[in-house]
Amino acid sequence: MTKTEKKILEEIIRVDHAGERGAIKIYEGQLLALKTFKHDEELRRKIEEMKEHEAEHLNFFDKEIQKRNIKPTKLLPVWDLLGVALGFGTAMLGKKAAMLCTASVEEVIDDHYKNQTYKLKEDEKALKEKIIKFREDELHHKNIAYEEGATKEGFYGFLDKVIKTSSKIAITISEKI
């Protein structure tokens, strides 16, 4: 493996680790709002189910970080705080905003994971297969979000742009730092 290929591999694992942890923090923020202020049991169950998938993803990338001796992003505490705040805020805005948050993030992750599969070589076939599987899970979450009322009309279109732009910035930073 060349030095460049090693760097790309480290960036992929570092950013995916941060992203899966970020997804869990978003869901934790949403669940906090739903358990303390909003009390929507059906939405709470759907979010808890999606959070379980993210925990499976995070567990995989936790092991990859340790196995390959890769340093996680230095900004994990910041991403944790922002993730919880984003989740809490969108859930407080209501079901449409909470579901849009999932849809917006998953649309960014869809492209992100797809692009990563092109960067991985044959010697990383197992990692590539996991990323493909996780991408399918994320697309399923996006579909659930739209089935549950996510919309981009009016204010939600602005919220979509903010969430997507923030997600792309976090990805770019987490790859490097």
N, C-alpha and C. Protein backbone atom coordinates (compact mmCIF):
# COMPACT_ATOMS: atom_id res chain seq x y z
N MET A 1 0.85 -1.18 0.00
CA MET A 1 0.00 0.00 0.00
C MET A 1 0.90 1.24 0.00
N THR A 2 0.60 2.15 -0.91
CA THR A 2 1.39 3.37 -0.98
C THR A 2 1.03 4.30 0.18
N LYS A 3 1.86 5.29 0.39
CA LYS A 3 1.61 6.27 1.45
C LYS A 3 0.29 7.00 1.20
N THR A 4 0.02 7.33 -0.06
CA THR A 4 -1.23 8.02 -0.42
C THR A 4 -2.44 7.14 -0.16
N GLU A 5 -2.34 5.86 -0.53
CA GLU A 5 -3.45 4.92 -0.29
C GLU A 5 -3.69 4.75 1.20
N LYS A 6 -2.62 4.69 1.98
CA LYS A 6 -2.75 4.57 3.45
C LYS A 6 -3.45 5.80 4.03
N LYS A 7 -3.07 6.98 3.53
CA LYS A 7 -3.68 8.23 3.99
C LYS A 7 -5.18 8.25 3.67
N ILE A 8 -5.53 7.85 2.46
CA ILE A 8 -6.94 7.81 2.05
C ILE A 8 -7.72 6.84 2.93
N LEU A 9 -7.14 5.67 3.18
CA LEU A 9 -7.79 4.67 4.03
C LEU A 9 -8.01 5.22 5.44
N GLU A 10 -7.01 5.87 5.99
CA GLU A 10 -7.15 6.45 7.33
C GLU A 10 -8.24 7.52 7.35
N GLU A 11 -8.29 8.35 6.32
CA GLU A 11 -9.32 9.39 6.25
C GLU A 11 -10.71 8.77 6.17
N ILE A 12 -10.86 7.71 5.39
CA ILE A 12 -12.15 7.04 5.25
C ILE A 12 -12.61 6.51 6.60
N ILE A 13 -11.75 5.81 7.28
CA ILE A 13 -12.14 5.21 8.57
C ILE A 13 -12.37 6.28 9.62
N ARG A 14 -11.53 7.30 9.66
CA ARG A 14 -11.68 8.37 10.65
C ARG A 14 -13.02 9.11 10.46
N VAL A 15 -13.33 9.46 9.23
CA VAL A 15 -14.54 10.24 8.99
C VAL A 15 -15.80 9.38 9.17
N ASP A 16 -15.73 8.12 8.78
CA ASP A 16 -16.90 7.25 8.96
C ASP A 16 -17.16 6.98 10.44
N HIS A 17 -16.09 6.83 11.20
CA HIS A 17 -16.23 6.68 12.65
C HIS A 17 -16.92 7.91 13.24
N ALA A 18 -16.43 9.09 12.86
CA ALA A 18 -17.02 10.34 13.37
C ALA A 18 -18.47 10.49 12.91
N GLY A 19 -18.74 10.13 11.67
CA GLY A 19 -20.10 10.27 11.14
C GLY A 19 -21.10 9.36 11.81
N GLU A 20 -20.70 8.12 12.05
CA GLU A 20 -21.63 7.19 12.71
C GLU A 20 -21.86 7.62 14.16
N ARG A 21 -20.81 8.08 14.80
CA ARG A 21 -20.97 8.59 16.17
C ARG A 21 -21.87 9.83 16.15
N GLY A 22 -21.67 10.70 15.14
CA GLY A 22 -22.51 11.89 15.02
C GLY A 22 -23.98 11.55 14.83
N ALA A 23 -24.24 10.51 14.03
CA ALA A 23 -25.63 10.08 13.82
C ALA A 23 -26.26 9.65 15.14
N ILE A 24 -25.50 8.91 15.93
CA ILE A 24 -26.02 8.47 17.23
C ILE A 24 -26.32 9.68 18.11
N LYS A 25 -25.43 10.67 18.10
CA LYS A 25 -25.64 11.86 18.92
C LYS A 25 -26.87 12.65 18.46
N ILE A 26 -27.09 12.72 17.15
CA ILE A 26 -28.30 13.38 16.64
C ILE A 26 -29.54 12.65 17.18
N TYR A 27 -29.53 11.33 17.06
CA TYR A 27 -30.68 10.56 17.56
C TYR A 27 -30.82 10.70 19.07
N GLU A 28 -29.72 10.75 19.80
CA GLU A 28 -29.80 10.93 21.26
C GLU A 28 -30.45 12.27 21.59
N GLY A 29 -30.10 13.31 20.83
CA GLY A 29 -30.73 14.62 21.04
C GLY A 29 -32.21 14.58 20.74
N GLN A 30 -32.58 13.90 19.66
CA GLN A 30 -34.00 13.78 19.33
C GLN A 30 -34.75 13.00 20.40
N LEU A 31 -34.14 11.93 20.86
CA LEU A 31 -34.79 11.12 21.90
C LEU A 31 -34.94 11.89 23.20
N LEU A 32 -33.95 12.70 23.54
CA LEU A 32 -34.05 13.54 24.73
C LEU A 32 -35.27 14.47 24.63
N ALA A 33 -35.43 15.10 23.49
CA ALA A 33 -36.58 15.99 23.30
C ALA A 33 -37.89 15.21 23.34
N LEU A 34 -37.90 14.04 22.72
CA LEU A 34 -39.13 13.23 22.67
C LEU A 34 -39.50 12.64 24.02
N LYS A 35 -38.53 12.40 24.86
CA LYS A 35 -38.81 11.82 26.18
C LYS A 35 -39.14 12.89 27.22
N THR A 36 -38.71 14.13 26.98
CA THR A 36 -38.93 15.16 28.00
C THR A 36 -39.99 16.20 27.63
N PHE A 37 -40.13 16.50 26.34
CA PHE A 37 -41.04 17.58 25.96
C PHE A 37 -42.11 17.17 24.95
N LYS A 38 -41.76 16.38 23.98
CA LYS A 38 -42.65 16.13 22.85
C LYS A 38 -43.54 14.89 23.01
N HIS A 39 -43.06 13.86 23.63
CA HIS A 39 -43.83 12.64 23.93
C HIS A 39 -44.57 12.06 22.72
N ASP A 40 -43.81 11.72 21.70
CA ASP A 40 -44.36 11.06 20.51
C ASP A 40 -43.78 9.64 20.50
N GLU A 41 -44.54 8.68 21.03
CA GLU A 41 -44.05 7.31 21.20
C GLU A 41 -43.72 6.62 19.88
N GLU A 42 -44.53 6.84 18.87
CA GLU A 42 -44.28 6.20 17.56
C GLU A 42 -42.98 6.71 16.96
N LEU A 43 -42.78 8.02 17.00
CA LEU A 43 -41.56 8.60 16.46
C LEU A 43 -40.36 8.16 17.30
N ARG A 44 -40.52 8.11 18.61
CA ARG A 44 -39.44 7.67 19.49
C ARG A 44 -38.99 6.26 19.12
N ARG A 45 -39.94 5.35 18.88
CA ARG A 45 -39.60 3.96 18.51
C ARG A 45 -38.84 3.91 17.18
N LYS A 46 -39.27 4.68 16.21
CA LYS A 46 -38.59 4.69 14.90
C LYS A 46 -37.16 5.21 15.04
N ILE A 47 -36.99 6.25 15.82
CA ILE A 47 -35.66 6.82 16.01
C ILE A 47 -34.77 5.84 16.78
N GLU A 48 -35.31 5.19 17.78
CA GLU A 48 -34.52 4.20 18.52
C GLU A 48 -34.07 3.05 17.62
N GLU A 49 -34.93 2.64 16.71
CA GLU A 49 -34.57 1.57 15.77
C GLU A 49 -33.44 2.02 14.84
N MET A 50 -33.55 3.23 14.31
CA MET A 50 -32.49 3.73 13.43
C MET A 50 -31.19 3.91 14.21
N LYS A 51 -31.30 4.34 15.46
CA LYS A 51 -30.12 4.51 16.30
C LYS A 51 -29.40 3.17 16.51
N GLU A 52 -30.15 2.09 16.60
CA GLU A 52 -29.54 0.76 16.75
C GLU A 52 -28.68 0.41 15.53
N HIS A 53 -29.15 0.75 14.33
CA HIS A 53 -28.34 0.51 13.13
C HIS A 53 -27.05 1.31 13.20
N GLU A 54 -27.16 2.56 13.61
CA GLU A 54 -25.98 3.42 13.71
C GLU A 54 -25.00 2.88 14.74
N ALA A 55 -25.51 2.29 15.81
CA ALA A 55 -24.63 1.70 16.83
C ALA A 55 -23.85 0.52 16.24
N GLU A 56 -24.49 -0.26 15.39
CA GLU A 56 -23.80 -1.36 14.70
C GLU A 56 -22.68 -0.80 13.82
N HIS A 57 -22.97 0.27 13.11
CA HIS A 57 -21.99 0.90 12.23
C HIS A 57 -20.82 1.45 13.05
N LEU A 58 -21.15 2.17 14.14
CA LEU A 58 -20.11 2.75 14.98
C LEU A 58 -19.23 1.67 15.59
N ASN A 59 -19.84 0.59 16.03
CA ASN A 59 -19.08 -0.52 16.61
C ASN A 59 -18.04 -1.04 15.61
N PHE A 60 -18.45 -1.18 14.36
CA PHE A 60 -17.53 -1.64 13.32
C PHE A 60 -16.37 -0.66 13.17
N PHE A 61 -16.66 0.64 13.06
CA PHE A 61 -15.60 1.62 12.85
C PHE A 61 -14.75 1.82 14.10
N ASP A 62 -15.32 1.64 15.30
CA ASP A 62 -14.52 1.64 16.53
C ASP A 62 -13.44 0.56 16.45
N LYS A 63 -13.85 -0.62 16.03
CA LYS A 63 -12.90 -1.74 15.92
C LYS A 63 -11.85 -1.47 14.85
N GLU A 64 -12.26 -0.87 13.73
CA GLU A 64 -11.31 -0.55 12.66
C GLU A 64 -10.28 0.49 13.13
N ILE A 65 -10.73 1.48 13.87
CA ILE A 65 -9.83 2.52 14.40
C ILE A 65 -8.78 1.85 15.31
N GLN A 66 -9.23 0.96 16.16
CA GLN A 66 -8.31 0.30 17.10
C GLN A 66 -7.39 -0.67 16.36
N LYS A 67 -7.96 -1.50 15.51
CA LYS A 67 -7.19 -2.53 14.79
C LYS A 67 -6.10 -1.90 13.93
N ARG A 68 -6.42 -0.78 13.29
CA ARG A 68 -5.49 -0.16 12.34
C ARG A 68 -4.68 0.98 12.97
N ASN A 69 -4.91 1.20 14.27
CA ASN A 69 -4.17 2.23 15.00
C ASN A 69 -4.32 3.61 14.33
N ILE A 70 -5.57 3.98 14.06
CA ILE A 70 -5.89 5.27 13.45
C ILE A 70 -6.44 6.19 14.54
N LYS A 71 -5.97 7.42 14.54
CA LYS A 71 -6.47 8.38 15.52
C LYS A 71 -7.83 8.90 15.07
N PRO A 72 -8.81 8.86 15.97
CA PRO A 72 -10.12 9.46 15.61
C PRO A 72 -9.96 10.97 15.46
N THR A 73 -10.96 11.60 14.86
CA THR A 73 -10.89 13.05 14.72
C THR A 73 -10.78 13.70 16.09
N LYS A 74 -10.00 14.75 16.16
CA LYS A 74 -9.81 15.49 17.41
C LYS A 74 -11.06 16.26 17.79
N LEU A 75 -11.99 16.38 16.86
CA LEU A 75 -13.18 17.18 17.09
C LEU A 75 -14.39 16.37 17.58
N LEU A 76 -14.18 15.12 17.97
CA LEU A 76 -15.31 14.31 18.45
C LEU A 76 -16.14 15.01 19.52
N PRO A 77 -15.52 15.64 20.54
CA PRO A 77 -16.36 16.32 21.55
C PRO A 77 -17.22 17.44 20.96
N VAL A 78 -16.68 18.15 20.00
CA VAL A 78 -17.44 19.23 19.35
C VAL A 78 -18.58 18.63 18.54
N TRP A 79 -18.29 17.58 17.74
CA TRP A 79 -19.32 16.94 16.93
C TRP A 79 -20.40 16.34 17.83
N ASP A 80 -19.99 15.77 19.00
CA ASP A 80 -20.99 15.21 19.93
C ASP A 80 -21.97 16.29 20.37
N LEU A 81 -21.43 17.41 20.79
CA LEU A 81 -22.26 18.52 21.27
C LEU A 81 -23.18 19.05 20.17
N LEU A 82 -22.62 19.26 18.99
CA LEU A 82 -23.41 19.78 17.87
C LEU A 82 -24.46 18.76 17.41
N GLY A 83 -24.11 17.48 17.44
CA GLY A 83 -25.07 16.45 17.05
C GLY A 83 -26.26 16.40 17.98
N VAL A 84 -26.00 16.41 19.28
CA VAL A 84 -27.09 16.41 20.26
C VAL A 84 -27.95 17.66 20.09
N ALA A 85 -27.30 18.80 19.91
CA ALA A 85 -28.05 20.05 19.73
C ALA A 85 -28.91 20.02 18.47
N LEU A 86 -28.35 19.52 17.37
CA LEU A 86 -29.12 19.42 16.12
C LEU A 86 -30.31 18.47 16.31
N GLY A 87 -30.07 17.34 16.91
CA GLY A 87 -31.16 16.39 17.14
C GLY A 87 -32.24 16.96 18.04
N PHE A 88 -31.82 17.55 19.14
CA PHE A 88 -32.78 18.13 20.09
C PHE A 88 -33.59 19.23 19.41
N GLY A 89 -32.88 20.11 18.71
CA GLY A 89 -33.55 21.24 18.06
C GLY A 89 -34.55 20.81 17.00
N THR A 90 -34.16 19.85 16.17
CA THR A 90 -35.08 19.42 15.12
C THR A 90 -36.29 18.69 15.70
N ALA A 91 -36.07 17.91 16.74
CA ALA A 91 -37.22 17.23 17.37
C ALA A 91 -38.16 18.24 18.03
N MET A 92 -37.59 19.30 18.61
CA MET A 92 -38.43 20.32 19.23
C MET A 92 -39.25 21.07 18.18
N LEU A 93 -38.73 21.16 16.96
CA LEU A 93 -39.48 21.80 15.88
C LEU A 93 -40.64 20.93 15.39
N GLY A 94 -40.59 19.65 15.70
CA GLY A 94 -41.68 18.75 15.33
C GLY A 94 -41.22 17.58 14.48
N LYS A 95 -42.15 16.70 14.23
CA LYS A 95 -41.86 15.45 13.52
C LYS A 95 -41.28 15.70 12.13
N LYS A 96 -41.84 16.66 11.38
CA LYS A 96 -41.34 16.92 10.02
C LYS A 96 -39.87 17.34 10.05
N ALA A 97 -39.51 18.20 11.00
CA ALA A 97 -38.13 18.67 11.10
C ALA A 97 -37.21 17.54 11.55
N ALA A 98 -37.66 16.73 12.50
CA ALA A 98 -36.85 15.60 12.97
C ALA A 98 -36.59 14.62 11.84
N MET A 99 -37.62 14.33 11.07
CA MET A 99 -37.46 13.39 9.96
C MET A 99 -36.65 14.01 8.82
N LEU A 100 -36.81 15.33 8.61
CA LEU A 100 -35.99 15.99 7.60
C LEU A 100 -34.52 15.92 7.99
N CYS A 101 -34.21 16.05 9.26
CA CYS A 101 -32.83 15.95 9.72
C CYS A 101 -32.24 14.62 9.29
N THR A 102 -32.96 13.53 9.52
CA THR A 102 -32.49 12.21 9.09
C THR A 102 -32.33 12.17 7.58
N ALA A 103 -33.34 12.61 6.85
CA ALA A 103 -33.28 12.56 5.38
C ALA A 103 -32.11 13.37 4.84
N SER A 104 -31.91 14.56 5.36
CA SER A 104 -30.84 15.43 4.88
C SER A 104 -29.47 14.83 5.13
N VAL A 105 -29.24 14.37 6.34
CA VAL A 105 -27.96 13.75 6.68
C VAL A 105 -27.73 12.51 5.82
N GLU A 106 -28.76 11.68 5.69
CA GLU A 106 -28.60 10.43 4.92
C GLU A 106 -28.35 10.69 3.44
N GLU A 107 -28.90 11.75 2.90
CA GLU A 107 -28.63 12.08 1.49
C GLU A 107 -27.16 12.45 1.29
N VAL A 108 -26.59 13.17 2.26
CA VAL A 108 -25.17 13.49 2.19
C VAL A 108 -24.34 12.22 2.34
N ILE A 109 -24.72 11.37 3.29
CA ILE A 109 -23.96 10.14 3.56
C ILE A 109 -24.05 9.18 2.38
N ASP A 110 -25.17 9.15 1.70
CA ASP A 110 -25.32 8.31 0.52
C ASP A 110 -24.20 8.61 -0.49
N ASP A 111 -24.06 9.88 -0.84
CA ASP A 111 -23.01 10.27 -1.79
C ASP A 111 -21.62 10.01 -1.21
N HIS A 112 -21.46 10.31 0.06
CA HIS A 112 -20.18 10.14 0.74
C HIS A 112 -19.72 8.68 0.69
N TYR A 113 -20.60 7.77 1.10
CA TYR A 113 -20.25 6.34 1.09
C TYR A 113 -20.03 5.83 -0.34
N LYS A 114 -20.87 6.26 -1.26
CA LYS A 114 -20.72 5.83 -2.66
C LYS A 114 -19.35 6.23 -3.18
N ASN A 115 -18.94 7.47 -2.93
CA ASN A 115 -17.63 7.95 -3.37
C ASN A 115 -16.49 7.18 -2.72
N GLN A 116 -16.66 6.79 -1.48
CA GLN A 116 -15.62 6.01 -0.80
C GLN A 116 -15.41 4.65 -1.46
N THR A 117 -16.48 4.04 -1.94
CA THR A 117 -16.33 2.71 -2.55
C THR A 117 -15.45 2.77 -3.80
N TYR A 118 -15.42 3.91 -4.46
CA TYR A 118 -14.56 4.06 -5.64
C TYR A 118 -13.09 4.22 -5.25
N LYS A 119 -12.84 4.70 -4.05
CA LYS A 119 -11.47 4.94 -3.60
C LYS A 119 -10.79 3.69 -3.05
N LEU A 120 -11.59 2.72 -2.61
CA LEU A 120 -11.02 1.53 -1.97
C LEU A 120 -10.55 0.52 -3.00
N LYS A 121 -9.38 -0.03 -2.77
CA LYS A 121 -8.78 -1.01 -3.68
C LYS A 121 -9.24 -2.42 -3.30
N GLU A 122 -8.86 -3.38 -4.12
CA GLU A 122 -9.25 -4.79 -3.91
C GLU A 122 -8.77 -5.35 -2.58
N ASP A 123 -7.63 -4.85 -2.09
CA ASP A 123 -7.12 -5.36 -0.81
C ASP A 123 -7.98 -4.90 0.38
N GLU A 124 -8.94 -4.04 0.14
CA GLU A 124 -9.86 -3.59 1.19
C GLU A 124 -11.30 -4.01 0.86
N LYS A 125 -11.44 -5.19 0.30
CA LYS A 125 -12.74 -5.69 -0.13
C LYS A 125 -13.73 -5.80 1.04
N ALA A 126 -13.28 -6.28 2.19
CA ALA A 126 -14.18 -6.44 3.34
C ALA A 126 -14.69 -5.07 3.82
N LEU A 127 -13.81 -4.09 3.87
CA LEU A 127 -14.22 -2.75 4.28
C LEU A 127 -15.20 -2.17 3.27
N LYS A 128 -14.91 -2.35 2.00
CA LYS A 128 -15.79 -1.85 0.94
C LYS A 128 -17.18 -2.48 1.06
N GLU A 129 -17.25 -3.78 1.31
CA GLU A 129 -18.54 -4.46 1.47
C GLU A 129 -19.32 -3.91 2.66
N LYS A 130 -18.62 -3.62 3.76
CA LYS A 130 -19.29 -3.05 4.94
C LYS A 130 -19.85 -1.66 4.61
N ILE A 131 -19.06 -0.86 3.92
CA ILE A 131 -19.52 0.49 3.57
C ILE A 131 -20.73 0.40 2.65
N ILE A 132 -20.74 -0.53 1.73
CA ILE A 132 -21.89 -0.72 0.84
C ILE A 132 -23.13 -1.12 1.66
N LYS A 133 -22.94 -2.02 2.61
CA LYS A 133 -24.06 -2.46 3.47
C LYS A 133 -24.56 -1.29 4.31
N PHE A 134 -23.63 -0.53 4.90
CA PHE A 134 -24.03 0.60 5.72
C PHE A 134 -24.74 1.66 4.89
N ARG A 135 -24.29 1.86 3.65
CA ARG A 135 -24.96 2.81 2.75
C ARG A 135 -26.41 2.38 2.54
N GLU A 136 -26.64 1.08 2.35
CA GLU A 136 -28.01 0.58 2.18
C GLU A 136 -28.85 0.87 3.42
N ASP A 137 -28.26 0.69 4.60
CA ASP A 137 -28.97 1.02 5.85
C ASP A 137 -29.34 2.50 5.89
N GLU A 138 -28.40 3.34 5.49
CA GLU A 138 -28.64 4.79 5.51
C GLU A 138 -29.74 5.18 4.52
N LEU A 139 -29.73 4.55 3.36
CA LEU A 139 -30.80 4.81 2.38
C LEU A 139 -32.16 4.37 2.93
N HIS A 140 -32.16 3.28 3.66
CA HIS A 140 -33.40 2.82 4.31
C HIS A 140 -33.88 3.87 5.32
N HIS A 141 -32.96 4.43 6.09
CA HIS A 141 -33.33 5.48 7.05
C HIS A 141 -33.91 6.69 6.33
N LYS A 142 -33.30 7.06 5.20
CA LYS A 142 -33.80 8.20 4.42
C LYS A 142 -35.23 7.92 3.96
N ASN A 143 -35.47 6.72 3.48
CA ASN A 143 -36.81 6.35 3.02
C ASN A 143 -37.83 6.41 4.15
N ILE A 144 -37.44 5.92 5.32
CA ILE A 144 -38.32 5.99 6.49
C ILE A 144 -38.65 7.45 6.80
N ALA A 145 -37.63 8.30 6.75
CA ALA A 145 -37.83 9.72 7.06
C ALA A 145 -38.87 10.34 6.14
N TYR A 146 -38.78 10.06 4.84
CA TYR A 146 -39.77 10.63 3.91
C TYR A 146 -41.15 10.00 4.12
N GLU A 147 -41.19 8.71 4.41
CA GLU A 147 -42.49 8.07 4.69
C GLU A 147 -43.14 8.67 5.93
N GLU A 148 -42.31 9.14 6.86
CA GLU A 148 -42.82 9.70 8.12
C GLU A 148 -43.04 11.22 8.06
N GLY A 149 -42.91 11.82 6.89
CA GLY A 149 -43.30 13.22 6.77
C GLY A 149 -42.20 14.22 6.49
N ALA A 150 -40.96 13.78 6.29
CA ALA A 150 -39.91 14.74 5.95
C ALA A 150 -40.32 15.48 4.68
N THR A 151 -40.07 16.78 4.66
CA THR A 151 -40.41 17.61 3.51
C THR A 151 -39.36 18.70 3.36
N LYS A 152 -39.25 19.23 2.17
CA LYS A 152 -38.32 20.33 1.91
C LYS A 152 -39.08 21.60 1.52
N GLU A 153 -40.36 21.64 1.79
CA GLU A 153 -41.19 22.80 1.45
C GLU A 153 -41.01 23.91 2.47
N GLY A 154 -41.03 25.14 1.98
CA GLY A 154 -40.97 26.30 2.86
C GLY A 154 -39.71 26.34 3.71
N PHE A 155 -39.90 26.59 5.00
CA PHE A 155 -38.80 26.66 5.96
C PHE A 155 -37.94 25.41 5.93
N TYR A 156 -38.55 24.27 5.68
CA TYR A 156 -37.82 22.99 5.71
C TYR A 156 -36.76 22.93 4.59
N GLY A 157 -36.98 23.63 3.49
CA GLY A 157 -35.98 23.69 2.43
C GLY A 157 -34.71 24.39 2.93
N PHE A 158 -34.90 25.45 3.70
CA PHE A 158 -33.76 26.16 4.30
C PHE A 158 -33.06 25.26 5.30
N LEU A 159 -33.83 24.60 6.16
CA LEU A 159 -33.27 23.69 7.16
C LEU A 159 -32.47 22.57 6.48
N ASP A 160 -32.99 22.05 5.40
CA ASP A 160 -32.29 21.01 4.63
C ASP A 160 -30.92 21.50 4.18
N LYS A 161 -30.86 22.70 3.64
CA LYS A 161 -29.59 23.26 3.17
C LYS A 161 -28.59 23.45 4.32
N VAL A 162 -29.07 23.92 5.46
CA VAL A 162 -28.21 24.12 6.62
C VAL A 162 -27.65 22.78 7.10
N ILE A 163 -28.50 21.78 7.21
CA ILE A 163 -28.06 20.46 7.69
C ILE A 163 -27.07 19.84 6.71
N LYS A 164 -27.37 19.90 5.42
CA LYS A 164 -26.47 19.31 4.42
C LYS A 164 -25.13 20.02 4.38
N THR A 165 -25.15 21.34 4.41
CA THR A 165 -23.90 22.10 4.37
C THR A 165 -23.07 21.80 5.62
N SER A 166 -23.71 21.77 6.77
CA SER A 166 -23.00 21.45 8.02
C SER A 166 -22.41 20.06 7.98
N SER A 167 -23.15 19.11 7.45
CA SER A 167 -22.67 17.72 7.35
C SER A 167 -21.45 17.63 6.43
N LYS A 168 -21.51 18.32 5.31
CA LYS A 168 -20.38 18.30 4.36
C LYS A 168 -19.14 18.94 4.98
N ILE A 169 -19.32 20.02 5.71
CA ILE A 169 -18.19 20.67 6.38
C ILE A 169 -17.60 19.74 7.43
N ALA A 170 -18.44 19.09 8.22
CA ALA A 170 -17.95 18.16 9.24
C ALA A 170 -17.19 16.99 8.61
N ILE A 171 -17.66 16.51 7.48
CA ILE A 171 -16.97 15.41 6.77
C ILE A 171 -15.58 15.88 6.34
N THR A 172 -15.51 17.02 5.70
CA THR A 172 -14.22 17.51 5.19
C THR A 172 -13.22 17.72 6.33
N ILE A 173 -13.68 18.30 7.41
CA ILE A 173 -12.79 18.55 8.56
C ILE A 173 -12.37 17.23 9.21
N SER A 174 -13.32 16.32 9.41
CA SER A 174 -13.02 15.06 10.10
C SER A 174 -12.08 14.16 9.33
N GLU A 175 -12.07 14.27 8.02
CA GLU A 175 -11.13 13.48 7.22
C GLU A 175 -9.69 13.88 7.57
N LYS A 176 -9.48 15.15 7.82
CA LYS A 176 -8.12 15.70 7.96
C LYS A 176 -7.63 15.83 9.39
N ILE A 177 -8.54 16.12 10.31
CA ILE A 177 -8.12 16.44 11.69
C ILE A 177 -8.59 15.36 12.65
